[in-house]
N, C-alpha and C. Protein backbone atom coordinates (compact mmCIF):
# COMPACT_ATOMS: atom_id res chain seq x y z
N MET A 1 -28.34 -65.20 177.22
CA MET A 1 -27.95 -64.36 176.11
C MET A 1 -26.51 -63.89 176.28
N ALA A 2 -26.12 -63.52 177.48
CA ALA A 2 -24.77 -63.01 177.72
C ALA A 2 -23.73 -64.11 177.53
N ALA A 3 -24.07 -65.34 177.89
CA ALA A 3 -23.13 -66.45 177.73
C ALA A 3 -22.86 -66.74 176.26
N GLU A 4 -23.92 -66.69 175.45
CA GLU A 4 -23.75 -66.92 174.02
C GLU A 4 -22.90 -65.82 173.39
N LEU A 5 -23.11 -64.60 173.81
CA LEU A 5 -22.34 -63.47 173.30
C LEU A 5 -20.88 -63.57 173.72
N ALA A 6 -20.64 -64.01 174.93
CA ALA A 6 -19.27 -64.16 175.43
C ALA A 6 -18.51 -65.23 174.65
N ILE A 7 -19.19 -66.21 174.12
CA ILE A 7 -18.56 -67.25 173.33
C ILE A 7 -18.45 -66.82 171.86
N ALA A 8 -19.45 -66.11 171.36
CA ALA A 8 -19.47 -65.75 169.95
C ALA A 8 -18.47 -64.65 169.60
N VAL A 9 -18.27 -63.68 170.45
CA VAL A 9 -17.38 -62.56 170.13
C VAL A 9 -15.94 -63.02 169.91
N PRO A 10 -15.34 -63.82 170.79
CA PRO A 10 -13.97 -64.28 170.51
C PRO A 10 -13.88 -65.13 169.23
N ALA A 11 -14.91 -65.94 168.97
CA ALA A 11 -14.90 -66.76 167.76
C ALA A 11 -14.95 -65.88 166.51
N VAL A 12 -15.77 -64.85 166.53
CA VAL A 12 -15.86 -63.93 165.38
C VAL A 12 -14.54 -63.19 165.21
N LEU A 13 -13.95 -62.75 166.30
CA LEU A 13 -12.66 -62.05 166.21
C LEU A 13 -11.57 -62.97 165.66
N LEU A 14 -11.57 -64.22 166.05
CA LEU A 14 -10.59 -65.17 165.55
C LEU A 14 -10.76 -65.39 164.05
N VAL A 15 -11.99 -65.54 163.60
CA VAL A 15 -12.27 -65.72 162.18
C VAL A 15 -11.83 -64.49 161.39
N LEU A 16 -12.10 -63.29 161.92
CA LEU A 16 -11.67 -62.07 161.24
C LEU A 16 -10.15 -61.98 161.18
N LEU A 17 -9.47 -62.31 162.25
CA LEU A 17 -8.01 -62.28 162.27
C LEU A 17 -7.42 -63.26 161.26
N LEU A 18 -7.98 -64.46 161.20
CA LEU A 18 -7.49 -65.44 160.23
C LEU A 18 -7.79 -65.02 158.79
N GLY A 19 -8.92 -64.41 158.56
CA GLY A 19 -9.26 -63.91 157.23
C GLY A 19 -8.33 -62.81 156.77
N VAL A 20 -8.07 -61.86 157.66
CA VAL A 20 -7.14 -60.77 157.32
C VAL A 20 -5.74 -61.33 157.11
N GLY A 21 -5.34 -62.28 157.92
CA GLY A 21 -4.03 -62.91 157.76
C GLY A 21 -3.90 -63.64 156.44
N ALA A 22 -4.95 -64.33 156.03
CA ALA A 22 -4.92 -65.05 154.76
C ALA A 22 -4.83 -64.08 153.59
N LEU A 23 -5.56 -62.98 153.65
CA LEU A 23 -5.49 -61.97 152.59
C LEU A 23 -4.11 -61.33 152.53
N ALA A 24 -3.52 -61.05 153.68
CA ALA A 24 -2.18 -60.46 153.72
C ALA A 24 -1.15 -61.44 153.16
N ALA A 25 -1.29 -62.72 153.51
CA ALA A 25 -0.35 -63.73 153.00
C ALA A 25 -0.47 -63.85 151.48
N ALA A 26 -1.68 -63.83 150.96
CA ALA A 26 -1.87 -63.94 149.52
C ALA A 26 -1.29 -62.73 148.80
N ALA A 27 -1.51 -61.55 149.32
CA ALA A 27 -0.97 -60.34 148.70
C ALA A 27 0.55 -60.33 148.73
N ARG A 28 1.13 -60.74 149.84
CA ARG A 28 2.59 -60.78 149.96
C ARG A 28 3.18 -61.86 149.06
N GLN A 29 2.49 -62.99 148.91
CA GLN A 29 2.96 -64.06 148.02
C GLN A 29 2.98 -63.59 146.57
N VAL A 30 1.95 -62.87 146.16
CA VAL A 30 1.90 -62.35 144.79
C VAL A 30 3.03 -61.35 144.57
N ALA A 31 3.27 -60.47 145.53
CA ALA A 31 4.36 -59.50 145.41
C ALA A 31 5.71 -60.20 145.37
N LEU A 32 5.89 -61.25 146.17
CA LEU A 32 7.14 -62.00 146.19
C LEU A 32 7.36 -62.72 144.86
N GLN A 33 6.31 -63.31 144.30
CA GLN A 33 6.43 -63.99 143.01
C GLN A 33 6.79 -63.01 141.91
N ASP A 34 6.16 -61.86 141.91
CA ASP A 34 6.43 -60.84 140.90
C ASP A 34 7.87 -60.33 141.03
N ALA A 35 8.33 -60.13 142.26
CA ALA A 35 9.70 -59.66 142.48
C ALA A 35 10.71 -60.71 142.05
N ALA A 36 10.44 -61.99 142.31
CA ALA A 36 11.34 -63.06 141.88
C ALA A 36 11.43 -63.12 140.35
N ALA A 37 10.31 -62.93 139.68
CA ALA A 37 10.31 -62.92 138.21
C ALA A 37 11.11 -61.73 137.68
N ASP A 38 10.93 -60.57 138.29
CA ASP A 38 11.70 -59.39 137.88
C ASP A 38 13.20 -59.62 138.08
N ALA A 39 13.57 -60.19 139.22
CA ALA A 39 14.99 -60.44 139.50
C ALA A 39 15.57 -61.45 138.51
N ALA A 40 14.83 -62.49 138.19
CA ALA A 40 15.31 -63.48 137.23
C ALA A 40 15.53 -62.84 135.86
N ARG A 41 14.61 -61.98 135.44
CA ARG A 41 14.78 -61.30 134.15
C ARG A 41 15.98 -60.37 134.18
N LEU A 42 16.18 -59.65 135.29
CA LEU A 42 17.34 -58.77 135.40
C LEU A 42 18.64 -59.56 135.31
N LEU A 43 18.72 -60.67 136.02
CA LEU A 43 19.93 -61.49 135.96
C LEU A 43 20.10 -62.10 134.57
N GLY A 44 19.02 -62.48 133.94
CA GLY A 44 19.08 -63.04 132.59
C GLY A 44 19.60 -62.03 131.58
N ARG A 45 19.35 -60.75 131.81
CA ARG A 45 19.85 -59.70 130.92
C ARG A 45 21.28 -59.29 131.25
N GLY A 46 21.85 -59.88 132.30
CA GLY A 46 23.23 -59.57 132.65
C GLY A 46 23.40 -58.49 133.69
N GLU A 47 22.32 -58.09 134.35
CA GLU A 47 22.43 -57.09 135.42
C GLU A 47 23.12 -57.72 136.63
N SER A 48 23.59 -56.88 137.53
CA SER A 48 24.29 -57.38 138.72
C SER A 48 23.31 -58.04 139.68
N ALA A 49 23.87 -58.95 140.48
CA ALA A 49 23.05 -59.63 141.49
C ALA A 49 22.54 -58.63 142.51
N GLY A 50 23.35 -57.63 142.83
CA GLY A 50 22.92 -56.62 143.79
C GLY A 50 21.69 -55.88 143.33
N ARG A 51 21.65 -55.52 142.05
CA ARG A 51 20.47 -54.82 141.52
C ARG A 51 19.27 -55.75 141.49
N ALA A 52 19.48 -57.00 141.07
CA ALA A 52 18.37 -57.94 140.99
C ALA A 52 17.78 -58.23 142.37
N PHE A 53 18.65 -58.49 143.34
CA PHE A 53 18.16 -58.79 144.69
C PHE A 53 17.63 -57.54 145.37
N GLY A 54 18.12 -56.37 144.96
CA GLY A 54 17.58 -55.11 145.47
C GLY A 54 16.13 -54.92 145.05
N ALA A 55 15.80 -55.41 143.85
CA ALA A 55 14.41 -55.33 143.38
C ALA A 55 13.49 -56.15 144.28
N ILE A 56 14.01 -57.27 144.76
CA ILE A 56 13.20 -58.12 145.64
C ILE A 56 13.03 -57.46 147.01
N SER A 57 14.13 -56.98 147.57
CA SER A 57 14.04 -56.40 148.92
C SER A 57 13.25 -55.09 148.92
N SER A 58 13.24 -54.37 147.80
CA SER A 58 12.43 -53.14 147.77
C SER A 58 10.96 -53.45 147.55
N ALA A 59 10.64 -54.56 146.92
CA ALA A 59 9.25 -54.93 146.69
C ALA A 59 8.61 -55.58 147.91
N VAL A 60 9.40 -56.37 148.64
CA VAL A 60 8.88 -57.10 149.80
C VAL A 60 9.86 -56.91 150.95
N ASP A 61 9.42 -56.20 151.98
CA ASP A 61 10.29 -55.95 153.14
C ASP A 61 10.69 -57.26 153.80
N GLY A 62 11.97 -57.36 154.12
CA GLY A 62 12.46 -58.53 154.83
C GLY A 62 12.68 -59.76 153.96
N ALA A 63 12.56 -59.62 152.64
CA ALA A 63 12.73 -60.77 151.76
C ALA A 63 14.21 -61.00 151.48
N SER A 64 14.55 -62.25 151.25
CA SER A 64 15.90 -62.61 150.84
C SER A 64 15.80 -63.43 149.57
N ALA A 65 16.93 -63.57 148.87
CA ALA A 65 16.89 -64.27 147.59
C ALA A 65 18.18 -65.01 147.34
N ALA A 66 18.09 -66.01 146.49
CA ALA A 66 19.25 -66.76 146.02
C ALA A 66 19.01 -67.08 144.55
N SER A 67 20.10 -67.21 143.81
CA SER A 67 19.97 -67.54 142.39
C SER A 67 20.86 -68.73 142.07
N GLU A 68 20.49 -69.42 141.00
CA GLU A 68 21.29 -70.54 140.52
C GLU A 68 21.12 -70.68 139.02
N GLN A 69 22.16 -71.15 138.38
CA GLN A 69 22.14 -71.40 136.94
C GLN A 69 21.67 -72.82 136.71
N ARG A 70 20.70 -72.99 135.82
CA ARG A 70 20.20 -74.32 135.45
C ARG A 70 20.24 -74.42 133.92
N GLY A 71 21.36 -74.81 133.41
CA GLY A 71 21.51 -74.88 131.96
C GLY A 71 21.46 -73.48 131.37
N ASP A 72 20.52 -73.24 130.47
CA ASP A 72 20.35 -71.92 129.84
C ASP A 72 19.51 -70.98 130.69
N LEU A 73 19.03 -71.44 131.82
CA LEU A 73 18.15 -70.63 132.66
C LEU A 73 18.89 -70.11 133.89
N ILE A 74 18.50 -68.93 134.32
CA ILE A 74 18.91 -68.40 135.62
C ILE A 74 17.66 -68.36 136.47
N CYS A 75 17.71 -69.00 137.63
CA CYS A 75 16.53 -69.11 138.48
C CYS A 75 16.76 -68.37 139.79
N VAL A 76 15.75 -67.69 140.25
CA VAL A 76 15.79 -66.93 141.50
C VAL A 76 14.72 -67.49 142.43
N THR A 77 15.12 -67.72 143.67
CA THR A 77 14.18 -68.13 144.70
C THR A 77 14.17 -67.06 145.78
N ALA A 78 13.00 -66.50 146.04
CA ALA A 78 12.84 -65.45 147.04
C ALA A 78 12.05 -66.01 148.21
N THR A 79 12.45 -65.64 149.42
CA THR A 79 11.75 -66.10 150.62
C THR A 79 11.47 -64.91 151.54
N ALA A 80 10.39 -65.01 152.26
CA ALA A 80 10.01 -64.00 153.24
C ALA A 80 9.10 -64.65 154.27
N ASP A 81 9.04 -64.07 155.44
CA ASP A 81 8.14 -64.53 156.49
C ASP A 81 7.02 -63.51 156.67
N LEU A 82 5.83 -64.01 156.90
CA LEU A 82 4.69 -63.16 157.19
C LEU A 82 4.25 -63.45 158.61
N SER A 83 4.17 -62.42 159.42
CA SER A 83 3.72 -62.58 160.80
C SER A 83 2.28 -62.12 160.92
N VAL A 84 1.46 -62.98 161.48
CA VAL A 84 0.06 -62.65 161.75
C VAL A 84 -0.04 -62.54 163.27
N GLY A 85 -0.15 -61.32 163.73
CA GLY A 85 -0.12 -61.11 165.17
C GLY A 85 1.28 -61.41 165.68
N ARG A 86 1.37 -61.87 166.89
CA ARG A 86 2.68 -62.22 167.45
C ARG A 86 2.87 -63.72 167.55
N VAL A 87 1.84 -64.46 167.18
CA VAL A 87 1.86 -65.90 167.40
C VAL A 87 2.16 -66.68 166.13
N ILE A 88 1.59 -66.27 165.02
CA ILE A 88 1.64 -67.05 163.79
C ILE A 88 2.66 -66.44 162.82
N THR A 89 3.58 -67.26 162.33
CA THR A 89 4.52 -66.85 161.29
C THR A 89 4.38 -67.82 160.12
N VAL A 90 4.16 -67.27 158.94
CA VAL A 90 3.97 -68.08 157.74
C VAL A 90 5.16 -67.85 156.82
N PRO A 91 5.94 -68.92 156.50
CA PRO A 91 7.05 -68.76 155.56
C PRO A 91 6.51 -68.75 154.13
N LEU A 92 6.97 -67.79 153.34
CA LEU A 92 6.56 -67.69 151.94
C LEU A 92 7.77 -67.92 151.05
N ARG A 93 7.55 -68.52 149.89
CA ARG A 93 8.64 -68.81 148.96
C ARG A 93 8.12 -68.69 147.55
N ALA A 94 8.91 -68.07 146.68
CA ALA A 94 8.54 -67.94 145.28
C ALA A 94 9.78 -68.14 144.42
N SER A 95 9.62 -68.82 143.29
CA SER A 95 10.72 -69.07 142.37
C SER A 95 10.32 -68.67 140.97
N SER A 96 11.32 -68.22 140.21
CA SER A 96 11.09 -67.87 138.82
C SER A 96 12.38 -68.04 138.05
N CYS A 97 12.29 -68.39 136.78
CA CYS A 97 13.45 -68.58 135.92
C CYS A 97 13.31 -67.74 134.66
N ALA A 98 14.47 -67.35 134.10
CA ALA A 98 14.51 -66.61 132.85
C ALA A 98 15.70 -67.11 132.05
N LEU A 99 15.65 -66.94 130.74
CA LEU A 99 16.77 -67.33 129.90
C LEU A 99 17.98 -66.47 130.20
N SER A 100 19.14 -67.10 130.31
CA SER A 100 20.39 -66.38 130.50
C SER A 100 20.81 -65.75 129.19
N GLY A 101 21.31 -64.54 129.28
CA GLY A 101 21.79 -63.87 128.07
C GLY A 101 20.69 -63.34 127.19
N GLY A 102 19.45 -63.40 127.65
CA GLY A 102 18.34 -62.88 126.85
C GLY A 102 18.26 -61.37 126.90
N LEU A 103 17.64 -60.80 125.91
CA LEU A 103 17.49 -59.34 125.86
C LEU A 103 16.06 -58.93 125.95
């Protein structure tokens, strides 16, 4: 009985850690996508890049962003890393575009 418990406890803890990590990654990805969309809309309305990228960094700690013009669209790509424990790092990326000059 003790041998089975000694094997089962680490396996259960690993599954719980991976589950919590997956939920954290999903929540951070959604926040990053939303922040990228907000930044693209801000740039599309003619706001400064500092304000637009500030929206991303305030929504997701440690996130960075870049923008590019694609015809009539302004596109923002936001990136961030998610650390699960000290061993696993998951890179996250989200992109969004908005019409330039839109109101």
